[in-house]
Each structure stands twice: as structure tokens, then as C-alpha cells.
Amino acid sequence: MKYEVTSLNTKKLFAEALKNLVVQKSFSKITVSELIRVCNVNRKTFYYHFTDVYDLLKWTLEQEAIEVVKKFDLIIDYEEVILFAMDYIEKNSVFLKNIYDSVGRDELKRFFYWDFIEITTSMIKKVEELTETTVPKDFETFLSSFYTEAIAGTLLEWIVHKEEHDKQQVINYISVIFRTALPASIKQYTEVQK
């Protein structure tokens, strides 16, 4: 147990160093050498925990945002999830904007995609349970991909242009879609297939 705590603390040390460096300069210019110097550890320690700086970035984003989102009951708390994600973006706006500028929209979306598809798939399964319906795996995969693209795209838009959008209005729009469109899509699909 002590080893796991030490390992987690070391990862958090690297994550904090990464966030501090990205605020100062482009993500693409950050090196492992710089990170180990800032953290005062050896190269072997970094590579024990991460394969490269991108792996550290992915871990950082997962730990700070995505793993927290997964703990919510997405059917009941989806507005809180959206608010949490948007608050996270606001609090880390310089960090995320610099990441966006360094790696580009598609690369940053790739970081979010695989974690968010797991979240949306879970949400779809819960809607199926609540509506007492089941859709085929291919339609479930399509819906997961569709909603993941929408969520990732909306969050990326918020990173770059948050000052142009009213946060509460965005939350309301997303809420309406989750509350109505997802259950309606599942219900409609099952009715058409009968």
C-alpha cells in the first residue's frame, strides 16, 4: 500500500510540473529532461511511470477530470458532470489552451475520446435499463461515438472560445439533449425495428 501511495505521489509531482511548465511555454517544447530536473528525480523514475510526455499529459487529464466524471451517476447527475467539466476548463484555461495550441484540436480530442466513449456507453446502458429496452451493439456503438464526438467537440470549443458562450446556457442545451434526445433515440430505434 505504501508503494502505491508513493507511486501516485510521484505521478502527481510530474503532473504538477507539467502543468506549471505548460503555462510558461508550449507543450511541444517540454522534454523529459526538463521534467526530471524540475521534479528532482532521475530519468529512470519518469520512464517507470510514463512512456513519454504525452502519456503524462493523458494521465494528468484523466486523473484531474475524467476519473472524477466517471464517479458521477450520469443519468441523475449529468448537469453536475457538465458543470464540473466546464469549471475544470475555466480553472485550467491557460494550461488547456496551451495544450490545444501545441497539439491541435484533433490530438486533444483524441486524449478525451477513449475515456468519454466509455462514459457515454455507460450512460446509454443506463438509459436502456431505465426505458427497459435494448438496442443492438452496432447502434449502441454508433450512439456512443455520436455523443462522444458531441461532448468532446463542445468541451474543445469551450476551451478555445469560452468567453463567447454563456456557461449556464451551454449546460442547459446539453441537458436538454441528454434528457430528451438520447432516450428518444433508443425508444425510436426499438419501435422502428419491431
N, C-alpha and C. Protein backbone atom coordinates (compact mmCIF):
# COMPACT_ATOMS: atom_id res chain seq x y z
N MET A 1 0.82 -1.19 0.00
CA MET A 1 0.00 0.00 0.00
C MET A 1 0.87 1.26 0.00
N LYS A 2 1.94 1.24 0.81
CA LYS A 2 2.82 2.40 0.89
C LYS A 2 3.45 2.68 -0.47
N TYR A 3 3.82 1.62 -1.19
CA TYR A 3 4.42 1.78 -2.51
C TYR A 3 3.44 2.45 -3.49
N GLU A 4 2.16 2.04 -3.43
CA GLU A 4 1.14 2.62 -4.31
C GLU A 4 0.96 4.11 -4.05
N VAL A 5 0.99 4.49 -2.79
CA VAL A 5 0.86 5.90 -2.43
C VAL A 5 2.07 6.68 -2.93
N THR A 6 3.26 6.12 -2.75
CA THR A 6 4.48 6.78 -3.22
C THR A 6 4.45 6.91 -4.73
N SER A 7 4.03 5.87 -5.42
CA SER A 7 3.94 5.91 -6.88
C SER A 7 2.95 6.97 -7.35
N LEU A 8 1.78 7.03 -6.70
CA LEU A 8 0.78 8.04 -7.05
C LEU A 8 1.31 9.44 -6.79
N ASN A 9 2.00 9.62 -5.66
CA ASN A 9 2.57 10.94 -5.35
C ASN A 9 3.62 11.35 -6.38
N THR A 10 4.41 10.40 -6.84
CA THR A 10 5.41 10.70 -7.87
C THR A 10 4.72 11.11 -9.17
N LYS A 11 3.68 10.41 -9.55
CA LYS A 11 2.93 10.78 -10.75
C LYS A 11 2.33 12.17 -10.62
N LYS A 12 1.78 12.46 -9.43
CA LYS A 12 1.21 13.79 -9.20
C LYS A 12 2.27 14.88 -9.26
N LEU A 13 3.47 14.57 -8.78
CA LEU A 13 4.59 15.51 -8.85
C LEU A 13 4.91 15.84 -10.31
N PHE A 14 4.97 14.82 -11.15
CA PHE A 14 5.22 15.03 -12.59
C PHE A 14 4.07 15.82 -13.23
N ALA A 15 2.85 15.49 -12.85
CA ALA A 15 1.68 16.18 -13.42
C ALA A 15 1.71 17.67 -13.07
N GLU A 16 2.01 17.97 -11.83
CA GLU A 16 2.06 19.37 -11.40
C GLU A 16 3.19 20.11 -12.13
N ALA A 17 4.32 19.45 -12.28
CA ALA A 17 5.44 20.06 -13.01
C ALA A 17 5.04 20.33 -14.46
N LEU A 18 4.36 19.37 -15.07
CA LEU A 18 3.91 19.54 -16.45
C LEU A 18 2.97 20.74 -16.56
N LYS A 19 2.01 20.82 -15.66
CA LYS A 19 1.05 21.93 -15.70
C LYS A 19 1.76 23.27 -15.54
N ASN A 20 2.71 23.34 -14.63
CA ASN A 20 3.45 24.59 -14.43
C ASN A 20 4.28 24.97 -15.65
N LEU A 21 4.89 23.99 -16.28
CA LEU A 21 5.71 24.26 -17.47
C LEU A 21 4.86 24.67 -18.66
N VAL A 22 3.71 24.02 -18.83
CA VAL A 22 2.84 24.33 -19.98
C VAL A 22 2.28 25.75 -19.88
N VAL A 23 2.12 26.26 -18.69
CA VAL A 23 1.65 27.63 -18.53
C VAL A 23 2.73 28.61 -19.00
N GLN A 24 3.98 28.18 -18.91
CA GLN A 24 5.10 29.05 -19.28
C GLN A 24 5.51 28.94 -20.75
N LYS A 25 5.32 27.75 -21.34
CA LYS A 25 5.77 27.55 -22.72
C LYS A 25 4.96 26.44 -23.40
N SER A 26 5.20 26.30 -24.68
CA SER A 26 4.46 25.34 -25.49
C SER A 26 4.69 23.91 -25.01
N PHE A 27 3.62 23.14 -24.98
CA PHE A 27 3.70 21.73 -24.60
C PHE A 27 4.71 20.99 -25.47
N SER A 28 4.73 21.28 -26.75
CA SER A 28 5.62 20.56 -27.67
C SER A 28 7.10 20.80 -27.37
N LYS A 29 7.41 21.80 -26.60
CA LYS A 29 8.81 22.11 -26.26
C LYS A 29 9.24 21.53 -24.91
N ILE A 30 8.32 20.91 -24.21
CA ILE A 30 8.64 20.33 -22.90
C ILE A 30 9.28 18.96 -23.09
N THR A 31 10.37 18.74 -22.40
CA THR A 31 11.11 17.49 -22.54
C THR A 31 11.11 16.71 -21.23
N VAL A 32 11.42 15.44 -21.34
CA VAL A 32 11.55 14.59 -20.14
C VAL A 32 12.68 15.13 -19.28
N SER A 33 13.76 15.55 -19.91
CA SER A 33 14.91 16.10 -19.15
C SER A 33 14.48 17.28 -18.28
N GLU A 34 13.67 18.14 -18.83
CA GLU A 34 13.19 19.30 -18.09
C GLU A 34 12.30 18.86 -16.93
N LEU A 35 11.42 17.92 -17.17
CA LEU A 35 10.53 17.43 -16.12
C LEU A 35 11.30 16.79 -14.97
N ILE A 36 12.29 15.96 -15.29
CA ILE A 36 13.04 15.30 -14.21
C ILE A 36 13.88 16.30 -13.43
N ARG A 37 14.35 17.34 -14.11
CA ARG A 37 15.12 18.39 -13.42
C ARG A 37 14.19 19.15 -12.45
N VAL A 38 13.01 19.52 -12.92
CA VAL A 38 12.06 20.25 -12.08
C VAL A 38 11.63 19.39 -10.88
N CYS A 39 11.42 18.12 -11.11
CA CYS A 39 10.95 17.21 -10.05
C CYS A 39 12.09 16.67 -9.19
N ASN A 40 13.32 16.91 -9.62
CA ASN A 40 14.50 16.46 -8.88
C ASN A 40 14.51 14.93 -8.70
N VAL A 41 14.24 14.24 -9.81
CA VAL A 41 14.30 12.77 -9.84
C VAL A 41 15.13 12.35 -11.04
N ASN A 42 15.42 11.06 -11.13
CA ASN A 42 16.20 10.60 -12.27
C ASN A 42 15.30 10.17 -13.44
N ARG A 43 15.89 10.03 -14.59
CA ARG A 43 15.17 9.68 -15.82
C ARG A 43 14.45 8.34 -15.67
N LYS A 44 15.08 7.41 -15.00
CA LYS A 44 14.50 6.08 -14.81
C LYS A 44 13.16 6.18 -14.07
N THR A 45 13.07 7.09 -13.12
CA THR A 45 11.82 7.29 -12.38
C THR A 45 10.70 7.73 -13.31
N PHE A 46 11.01 8.67 -14.19
CA PHE A 46 9.99 9.12 -15.14
C PHE A 46 9.51 7.96 -16.00
N TYR A 47 10.46 7.23 -16.59
CA TYR A 47 10.08 6.15 -17.51
C TYR A 47 9.48 4.95 -16.82
N TYR A 48 9.65 4.85 -15.52
CA TYR A 48 8.97 3.80 -14.78
C TYR A 48 7.47 4.07 -14.77
N HIS A 49 7.10 5.35 -14.72
CA HIS A 49 5.69 5.73 -14.61
C HIS A 49 5.03 6.07 -15.94
N PHE A 50 5.79 6.64 -16.88
CA PHE A 50 5.22 7.12 -18.13
C PHE A 50 6.13 6.75 -19.31
N THR A 51 5.50 6.53 -20.47
CA THR A 51 6.29 6.21 -21.66
C THR A 51 6.89 7.46 -22.31
N ASP A 52 6.17 8.59 -22.19
CA ASP A 52 6.65 9.85 -22.74
C ASP A 52 5.84 11.00 -22.16
N VAL A 53 6.08 12.21 -22.63
CA VAL A 53 5.38 13.39 -22.10
C VAL A 53 3.89 13.34 -22.45
N TYR A 54 3.54 12.77 -23.61
CA TYR A 54 2.13 12.62 -23.99
C TYR A 54 1.40 11.68 -23.02
N ASP A 55 2.07 10.64 -22.61
CA ASP A 55 1.50 9.70 -21.66
C ASP A 55 1.24 10.41 -20.32
N LEU A 56 2.16 11.25 -19.91
CA LEU A 56 1.97 12.05 -18.69
C LEU A 56 0.79 13.00 -18.86
N LEU A 57 0.67 13.64 -19.99
CA LEU A 57 -0.46 14.54 -20.24
C LEU A 57 -1.77 13.77 -20.15
N LYS A 58 -1.84 12.63 -20.80
CA LYS A 58 -3.06 11.82 -20.76
C LYS A 58 -3.40 11.43 -19.32
N TRP A 59 -2.41 10.99 -18.56
CA TRP A 59 -2.65 10.61 -17.17
C TRP A 59 -3.15 11.82 -16.37
N THR A 60 -2.54 12.97 -16.59
CA THR A 60 -2.93 14.19 -15.87
C THR A 60 -4.38 14.54 -16.14
N LEU A 61 -4.76 14.55 -17.41
CA LEU A 61 -6.15 14.87 -17.76
C LEU A 61 -7.12 13.84 -17.20
N GLU A 62 -6.73 12.57 -17.26
CA GLU A 62 -7.61 11.51 -16.73
C GLU A 62 -7.80 11.66 -15.23
N GLN A 63 -6.73 11.89 -14.50
CA GLN A 63 -6.82 11.98 -13.05
C GLN A 63 -7.58 13.20 -12.58
N GLU A 64 -7.37 14.31 -13.25
CA GLU A 64 -7.98 15.55 -12.78
C GLU A 64 -9.41 15.73 -13.23
N ALA A 65 -9.79 15.12 -14.31
CA ALA A 65 -11.14 15.38 -14.83
C ALA A 65 -11.90 14.10 -15.12
N ILE A 66 -11.38 13.26 -15.96
CA ILE A 66 -12.16 12.14 -16.47
C ILE A 66 -12.48 11.12 -15.39
N GLU A 67 -11.51 10.79 -14.53
CA GLU A 67 -11.79 9.83 -13.46
C GLU A 67 -12.83 10.38 -12.48
N VAL A 68 -12.83 11.68 -12.28
CA VAL A 68 -13.84 12.29 -11.41
C VAL A 68 -15.22 12.18 -12.05
N VAL A 69 -15.29 12.46 -13.34
CA VAL A 69 -16.57 12.39 -14.06
C VAL A 69 -17.15 10.98 -13.99
N LYS A 70 -16.31 9.97 -14.07
CA LYS A 70 -16.78 8.59 -14.05
C LYS A 70 -17.44 8.21 -12.72
N LYS A 71 -17.19 8.96 -11.68
CA LYS A 71 -17.76 8.65 -10.36
C LYS A 71 -19.18 9.18 -10.19
N PHE A 72 -19.61 10.04 -11.09
CA PHE A 72 -20.97 10.57 -11.03
C PHE A 72 -21.96 9.54 -11.57
N ASP A 73 -23.19 9.60 -11.11
CA ASP A 73 -24.28 8.85 -11.74
C ASP A 73 -24.73 9.71 -12.92
N LEU A 74 -24.33 9.30 -14.10
CA LEU A 74 -24.51 10.15 -15.27
C LEU A 74 -25.96 10.40 -15.66
N ILE A 75 -26.84 9.51 -15.28
CA ILE A 75 -28.25 9.72 -15.60
C ILE A 75 -28.86 10.77 -14.67
N ILE A 76 -28.49 10.72 -13.42
CA ILE A 76 -29.05 11.64 -12.44
C ILE A 76 -28.26 12.95 -12.38
N ASP A 77 -26.94 12.85 -12.43
CA ASP A 77 -26.07 13.99 -12.18
C ASP A 77 -25.44 14.59 -13.44
N TYR A 78 -26.03 14.40 -14.61
CA TYR A 78 -25.36 14.84 -15.82
C TYR A 78 -25.12 16.34 -15.86
N GLU A 79 -26.01 17.13 -15.28
CA GLU A 79 -25.78 18.58 -15.24
C GLU A 79 -24.58 18.92 -14.36
N GLU A 80 -24.43 18.20 -13.25
CA GLU A 80 -23.27 18.40 -12.39
C GLU A 80 -21.99 17.99 -13.11
N VAL A 81 -22.06 16.93 -13.90
CA VAL A 81 -20.90 16.48 -14.67
C VAL A 81 -20.49 17.56 -15.67
N ILE A 82 -21.44 18.10 -16.38
CA ILE A 82 -21.16 19.15 -17.36
C ILE A 82 -20.58 20.37 -16.66
N LEU A 83 -21.18 20.75 -15.54
CA LEU A 83 -20.68 21.90 -14.78
C LEU A 83 -19.26 21.63 -14.29
N PHE A 84 -19.00 20.43 -13.78
CA PHE A 84 -17.66 20.07 -13.32
C PHE A 84 -16.65 20.21 -14.45
N ALA A 85 -16.98 19.66 -15.63
CA ALA A 85 -16.07 19.72 -16.77
C ALA A 85 -15.80 21.17 -17.19
N MET A 86 -16.84 21.97 -17.22
CA MET A 86 -16.66 23.37 -17.64
C MET A 86 -15.91 24.17 -16.58
N ASP A 87 -16.15 23.89 -15.32
CA ASP A 87 -15.39 24.55 -14.25
C ASP A 87 -13.91 24.15 -14.32
N TYR A 88 -13.67 22.86 -14.58
CA TYR A 88 -12.29 22.39 -14.73
C TYR A 88 -11.59 23.15 -15.85
N ILE A 89 -12.28 23.32 -16.96
CA ILE A 89 -11.70 24.05 -18.09
C ILE A 89 -11.42 25.49 -17.70
N GLU A 90 -12.36 26.12 -16.99
CA GLU A 90 -12.14 27.51 -16.57
C GLU A 90 -10.94 27.63 -15.63
N LYS A 91 -10.85 26.74 -14.66
CA LYS A 91 -9.75 26.79 -13.68
C LYS A 91 -8.40 26.49 -14.32
N ASN A 92 -8.39 25.71 -15.37
CA ASN A 92 -7.15 25.30 -16.03
C ASN A 92 -7.06 25.86 -17.45
N SER A 93 -7.67 27.01 -17.67
CA SER A 93 -7.81 27.53 -19.03
C SER A 93 -6.48 27.78 -19.72
N VAL A 94 -5.51 28.35 -19.04
CA VAL A 94 -4.21 28.63 -19.67
C VAL A 94 -3.53 27.31 -20.04
N PHE A 95 -3.52 26.37 -19.11
CA PHE A 95 -2.93 25.05 -19.35
C PHE A 95 -3.59 24.38 -20.56
N LEU A 96 -4.90 24.30 -20.56
CA LEU A 96 -5.62 23.61 -21.63
C LEU A 96 -5.51 24.34 -22.97
N LYS A 97 -5.56 25.65 -22.93
CA LYS A 97 -5.43 26.43 -24.17
C LYS A 97 -4.04 26.23 -24.77
N ASN A 98 -3.01 26.22 -23.93
CA ASN A 98 -1.65 25.98 -24.43
C ASN A 98 -1.50 24.56 -24.99
N ILE A 99 -2.15 23.59 -24.34
CA ILE A 99 -2.13 22.22 -24.87
C ILE A 99 -2.83 22.21 -26.23
N TYR A 100 -3.99 22.84 -26.30
CA TYR A 100 -4.75 22.92 -27.55
C TYR A 100 -3.89 23.55 -28.65
N ASP A 101 -3.24 24.66 -28.34
CA ASP A 101 -2.41 25.36 -29.33
C ASP A 101 -1.20 24.53 -29.75
N SER A 102 -0.66 23.73 -28.83
CA SER A 102 0.53 22.93 -29.13
C SER A 102 0.23 21.66 -29.92
N VAL A 103 -0.80 20.95 -29.49
CA VAL A 103 -1.05 19.65 -30.12
C VAL A 103 -2.17 19.69 -31.15
N GLY A 104 -2.99 20.74 -31.11
CA GLY A 104 -4.08 20.86 -32.06
C GLY A 104 -5.37 20.23 -31.56
N ARG A 105 -6.44 20.61 -32.20
CA ARG A 105 -7.78 20.16 -31.81
C ARG A 105 -7.93 18.64 -31.89
N ASP A 106 -7.49 18.06 -33.00
CA ASP A 106 -7.69 16.62 -33.19
C ASP A 106 -6.92 15.79 -32.17
N GLU A 107 -5.70 16.21 -31.88
CA GLU A 107 -4.89 15.46 -30.92
C GLU A 107 -5.48 15.57 -29.51
N LEU A 108 -5.92 16.75 -29.13
CA LEU A 108 -6.52 16.91 -27.81
C LEU A 108 -7.83 16.13 -27.73
N LYS A 109 -8.59 16.13 -28.81
CA LYS A 109 -9.84 15.35 -28.83
C LYS A 109 -9.53 13.87 -28.67
N ARG A 110 -8.43 13.42 -29.25
CA ARG A 110 -8.04 12.02 -29.13
C ARG A 110 -7.79 11.66 -27.66
N PHE A 111 -7.21 12.60 -26.90
CA PHE A 111 -6.98 12.34 -25.48
C PHE A 111 -8.31 12.10 -24.75
N PHE A 112 -9.32 12.88 -25.10
CA PHE A 112 -10.62 12.77 -24.45
C PHE A 112 -11.45 11.59 -24.95
N TYR A 113 -11.30 11.26 -26.23
CA TYR A 113 -12.23 10.38 -26.90
C TYR A 113 -12.40 9.02 -26.20
N TRP A 114 -11.31 8.30 -25.94
CA TRP A 114 -11.43 6.94 -25.43
C TRP A 114 -12.01 6.90 -24.03
N ASP A 115 -11.76 7.94 -23.25
CA ASP A 115 -12.36 7.97 -21.92
C ASP A 115 -13.83 8.38 -21.98
N PHE A 116 -14.14 9.35 -22.84
CA PHE A 116 -15.53 9.79 -22.94
C PHE A 116 -16.42 8.74 -23.60
N ILE A 117 -15.87 7.93 -24.49
CA ILE A 117 -16.70 6.90 -25.11
C ILE A 117 -17.13 5.88 -24.06
N GLU A 118 -16.25 5.63 -23.11
CA GLU A 118 -16.61 4.73 -22.00
C GLU A 118 -17.74 5.34 -21.17
N ILE A 119 -17.67 6.63 -20.95
CA ILE A 119 -18.70 7.34 -20.18
C ILE A 119 -20.03 7.33 -20.93
N THR A 120 -20.01 7.65 -22.23
CA THR A 120 -21.26 7.68 -22.98
C THR A 120 -21.86 6.29 -23.15
N THR A 121 -21.03 5.28 -23.31
CA THR A 121 -21.53 3.91 -23.40
C THR A 121 -22.23 3.53 -22.10
N SER A 122 -21.64 3.90 -20.98
CA SER A 122 -22.26 3.64 -19.68
C SER A 122 -23.60 4.35 -19.57
N MET A 123 -23.65 5.58 -20.04
CA MET A 123 -24.89 6.34 -19.99
C MET A 123 -25.97 5.70 -20.86
N ILE A 124 -25.61 5.24 -22.03
CA ILE A 124 -26.56 4.57 -22.93
C ILE A 124 -27.11 3.31 -22.28
N LYS A 125 -26.24 2.54 -21.66
CA LYS A 125 -26.69 1.32 -20.98
C LYS A 125 -27.69 1.65 -19.85
N LYS A 126 -27.45 2.73 -19.14
CA LYS A 126 -28.37 3.13 -18.07
C LYS A 126 -29.71 3.58 -18.64
N VAL A 127 -29.69 4.28 -19.77
CA VAL A 127 -30.94 4.68 -20.42
C VAL A 127 -31.70 3.44 -20.87
N GLU A 128 -30.98 2.45 -21.39
CA GLU A 128 -31.64 1.20 -21.80
C GLU A 128 -32.32 0.54 -20.59
N GLU A 129 -31.63 0.53 -19.45
CA GLU A 129 -32.21 -0.05 -18.24
C GLU A 129 -33.47 0.72 -17.82
N LEU A 130 -33.37 2.03 -17.80
CA LEU A 130 -34.50 2.86 -17.37
C LEU A 130 -35.70 2.76 -18.30
N THR A 131 -35.43 2.62 -19.58
CA THR A 131 -36.53 2.53 -20.56
C THR A 131 -36.92 1.09 -20.84
N GLU A 132 -36.24 0.17 -20.18
CA GLU A 132 -36.49 -1.27 -20.35
C GLU A 132 -36.45 -1.67 -21.82
N THR A 133 -35.45 -1.16 -22.51
CA THR A 133 -35.23 -1.52 -23.92
C THR A 133 -33.77 -1.91 -24.10
N THR A 134 -33.54 -2.60 -25.20
CA THR A 134 -32.17 -2.97 -25.56
C THR A 134 -31.98 -2.70 -27.03
N VAL A 135 -30.87 -2.07 -27.35
CA VAL A 135 -30.55 -1.83 -28.75
C VAL A 135 -29.37 -2.72 -29.13
N PRO A 136 -29.26 -3.06 -30.41
CA PRO A 136 -28.13 -3.88 -30.84
C PRO A 136 -26.79 -3.17 -30.59
N LYS A 137 -25.75 -3.96 -30.46
CA LYS A 137 -24.41 -3.44 -30.17
C LYS A 137 -23.97 -2.41 -31.21
N ASP A 138 -24.28 -2.62 -32.48
CA ASP A 138 -23.83 -1.67 -33.51
C ASP A 138 -24.49 -0.30 -33.34
N PHE A 139 -25.77 -0.27 -32.94
CA PHE A 139 -26.44 1.01 -32.71
C PHE A 139 -25.91 1.66 -31.43
N GLU A 140 -25.67 0.86 -30.43
CA GLU A 140 -25.09 1.36 -29.18
C GLU A 140 -23.71 1.99 -29.46
N THR A 141 -22.90 1.33 -30.26
CA THR A 141 -21.58 1.85 -30.64
C THR A 141 -21.72 3.15 -31.41
N PHE A 142 -22.69 3.19 -32.32
CA PHE A 142 -22.93 4.42 -33.09
C PHE A 142 -23.32 5.56 -32.16
N LEU A 143 -24.28 5.31 -31.26
CA LEU A 143 -24.71 6.35 -30.32
C LEU A 143 -23.55 6.82 -29.43
N SER A 144 -22.76 5.88 -28.94
CA SER A 144 -21.62 6.24 -28.10
C SER A 144 -20.66 7.15 -28.85
N SER A 145 -20.35 6.79 -30.06
CA SER A 145 -19.44 7.59 -30.88
C SER A 145 -20.04 8.97 -31.17
N PHE A 146 -21.32 9.00 -31.51
CA PHE A 146 -22.01 10.24 -31.83
C PHE A 146 -21.98 11.21 -30.64
N TYR A 147 -22.36 10.71 -29.46
CA TYR A 147 -22.40 11.58 -28.28
C TYR A 147 -20.99 11.94 -27.80
N THR A 148 -20.05 11.03 -27.94
CA THR A 148 -18.67 11.33 -27.56
C THR A 148 -18.11 12.45 -28.42
N GLU A 149 -18.36 12.38 -29.72
CA GLU A 149 -17.91 13.46 -30.62
C GLU A 149 -18.55 14.78 -30.22
N ALA A 150 -19.82 14.74 -29.88
CA ALA A 150 -20.53 15.97 -29.49
C ALA A 150 -19.96 16.55 -28.19
N ILE A 151 -19.76 15.69 -27.20
CA ILE A 151 -19.23 16.16 -25.91
C ILE A 151 -17.81 16.70 -26.08
N ALA A 152 -16.95 15.92 -26.73
CA ALA A 152 -15.56 16.34 -26.92
C ALA A 152 -15.51 17.65 -27.71
N GLY A 153 -16.30 17.75 -28.76
CA GLY A 153 -16.32 18.96 -29.57
C GLY A 153 -16.79 20.17 -28.78
N THR A 154 -17.81 19.98 -27.96
CA THR A 154 -18.33 21.08 -27.14
C THR A 154 -17.29 21.53 -26.12
N LEU A 155 -16.63 20.57 -25.48
CA LEU A 155 -15.60 20.93 -24.49
C LEU A 155 -14.40 21.61 -25.15
N LEU A 156 -14.02 21.13 -26.31
CA LEU A 156 -12.91 21.79 -27.03
C LEU A 156 -13.29 23.20 -27.44
N GLU A 157 -14.51 23.39 -27.86
CA GLU A 157 -15.00 24.74 -28.19
C GLU A 157 -14.95 25.62 -26.95
N TRP A 158 -15.32 25.06 -25.81
CA TRP A 158 -15.31 25.81 -24.55
C TRP A 158 -13.88 26.21 -24.17
N ILE A 159 -12.91 25.33 -24.42
CA ILE A 159 -11.51 25.65 -24.13
C ILE A 159 -11.07 26.89 -24.90
N VAL A 160 -11.42 26.94 -26.17
CA VAL A 160 -10.91 27.99 -27.05
C VAL A 160 -11.76 29.26 -27.00
N HIS A 161 -13.08 29.11 -26.89
CA HIS A 161 -13.97 30.27 -27.03
C HIS A 161 -14.94 30.42 -25.86
N LYS A 162 -14.53 30.09 -24.67
CA LYS A 162 -15.48 30.11 -23.54
C LYS A 162 -16.06 31.49 -23.28
N GLU A 163 -15.28 32.53 -23.57
CA GLU A 163 -15.77 33.88 -23.32
C GLU A 163 -16.91 34.27 -24.27
N GLU A 164 -17.09 33.52 -25.35
CA GLU A 164 -18.16 33.81 -26.31
C GLU A 164 -19.47 33.10 -25.98
N HIS A 165 -19.45 32.24 -24.97
CA HIS A 165 -20.62 31.43 -24.65
C HIS A 165 -21.01 31.62 -23.19
N ASP A 166 -22.29 31.60 -22.94
CA ASP A 166 -22.81 31.63 -21.58
C ASP A 166 -22.78 30.21 -21.03
N LYS A 167 -22.05 30.00 -19.96
CA LYS A 167 -21.86 28.66 -19.40
C LYS A 167 -23.19 28.00 -19.06
N GLN A 168 -24.07 28.70 -18.39
CA GLN A 168 -25.34 28.11 -17.99
C GLN A 168 -26.18 27.73 -19.21
N GLN A 169 -26.11 28.54 -20.24
CA GLN A 169 -26.86 28.23 -21.46
C GLN A 169 -26.32 26.95 -22.11
N VAL A 170 -25.01 26.80 -22.16
CA VAL A 170 -24.41 25.58 -22.72
C VAL A 170 -24.85 24.37 -21.90
N ILE A 171 -24.82 24.50 -20.58
CA ILE A 171 -25.26 23.40 -19.71
C ILE A 171 -26.72 23.05 -19.98
N ASN A 172 -27.55 24.08 -20.12
CA ASN A 172 -28.98 23.84 -20.42
C ASN A 172 -29.17 23.12 -21.75
N TYR A 173 -28.43 23.55 -22.77
CA TYR A 173 -28.54 22.91 -24.09
C TYR A 173 -28.15 21.43 -24.02
N ILE A 174 -27.02 21.16 -23.39
CA ILE A 174 -26.56 19.77 -23.29
C ILE A 174 -27.55 18.95 -22.46
N SER A 175 -28.06 19.54 -21.40
CA SER A 175 -29.03 18.84 -20.55
C SER A 175 -30.28 18.44 -21.32
N VAL A 176 -30.79 19.35 -22.12
CA VAL A 176 -31.98 19.06 -22.93
C VAL A 176 -31.71 17.88 -23.85
N ILE A 177 -30.55 17.87 -24.45
CA ILE A 177 -30.21 16.78 -25.38
C ILE A 177 -30.12 15.45 -24.64
N PHE A 178 -29.41 15.44 -23.50
CA PHE A 178 -29.28 14.18 -22.75
C PHE A 178 -30.62 13.72 -22.20
N ARG A 179 -31.42 14.65 -21.71
CA ARG A 179 -32.69 14.30 -21.08
C ARG A 179 -33.71 13.81 -22.10
N THR A 180 -33.68 14.36 -23.31
CA THR A 180 -34.72 14.03 -24.27
C THR A 180 -34.24 13.22 -25.47
N ALA A 181 -33.17 13.65 -26.09
CA ALA A 181 -32.76 13.04 -27.36
C ALA A 181 -32.22 11.62 -27.20
N LEU A 182 -31.42 11.38 -26.19
CA LEU A 182 -30.86 10.04 -26.02
C LEU A 182 -31.94 9.00 -25.74
N PRO A 183 -32.81 9.22 -24.75
CA PRO A 183 -33.89 8.24 -24.54
C PRO A 183 -34.81 8.11 -25.76
N ALA A 184 -35.10 9.24 -26.42
CA ALA A 184 -35.97 9.19 -27.60
C ALA A 184 -35.32 8.40 -28.73
N SER A 185 -34.02 8.55 -28.91
CA SER A 185 -33.31 7.81 -29.96
C SER A 185 -33.39 6.30 -29.71
N ILE A 186 -33.17 5.92 -28.48
CA ILE A 186 -33.22 4.50 -28.14
C ILE A 186 -34.63 3.96 -28.31
N LYS A 187 -35.60 4.69 -27.82
CA LYS A 187 -37.00 4.26 -27.93
C LYS A 187 -37.42 4.18 -29.40
N GLN A 188 -37.10 5.21 -30.17
CA GLN A 188 -37.47 5.25 -31.58
C GLN A 188 -36.82 4.10 -32.35
N TYR A 189 -35.56 3.83 -32.07
CA TYR A 189 -34.88 2.74 -32.76
C TYR A 189 -35.59 1.41 -32.49
N THR A 190 -35.93 1.16 -31.23
CA THR A 190 -36.57 -0.11 -30.90
C THR A 190 -37.96 -0.21 -31.54
N GLU A 191 -38.68 0.91 -31.62
CA GLU A 191 -40.02 0.89 -32.25
C GLU A 191 -39.92 0.66 -33.75
N VAL A 192 -38.95 1.25 -34.41
CA VAL A 192 -38.77 1.07 -35.85
C VAL A 192 -38.38 -0.37 -36.18
N GLN A 193 -37.65 -1.00 -35.28
CA GLN A 193 -37.17 -2.36 -35.52
C GLN A 193 -38.25 -3.43 -35.29
N LYS A 194 -39.36 -3.06 -34.70
CA LYS A 194 -40.41 -4.06 -34.39
C LYS A 194 -41.09 -4.54 -35.65
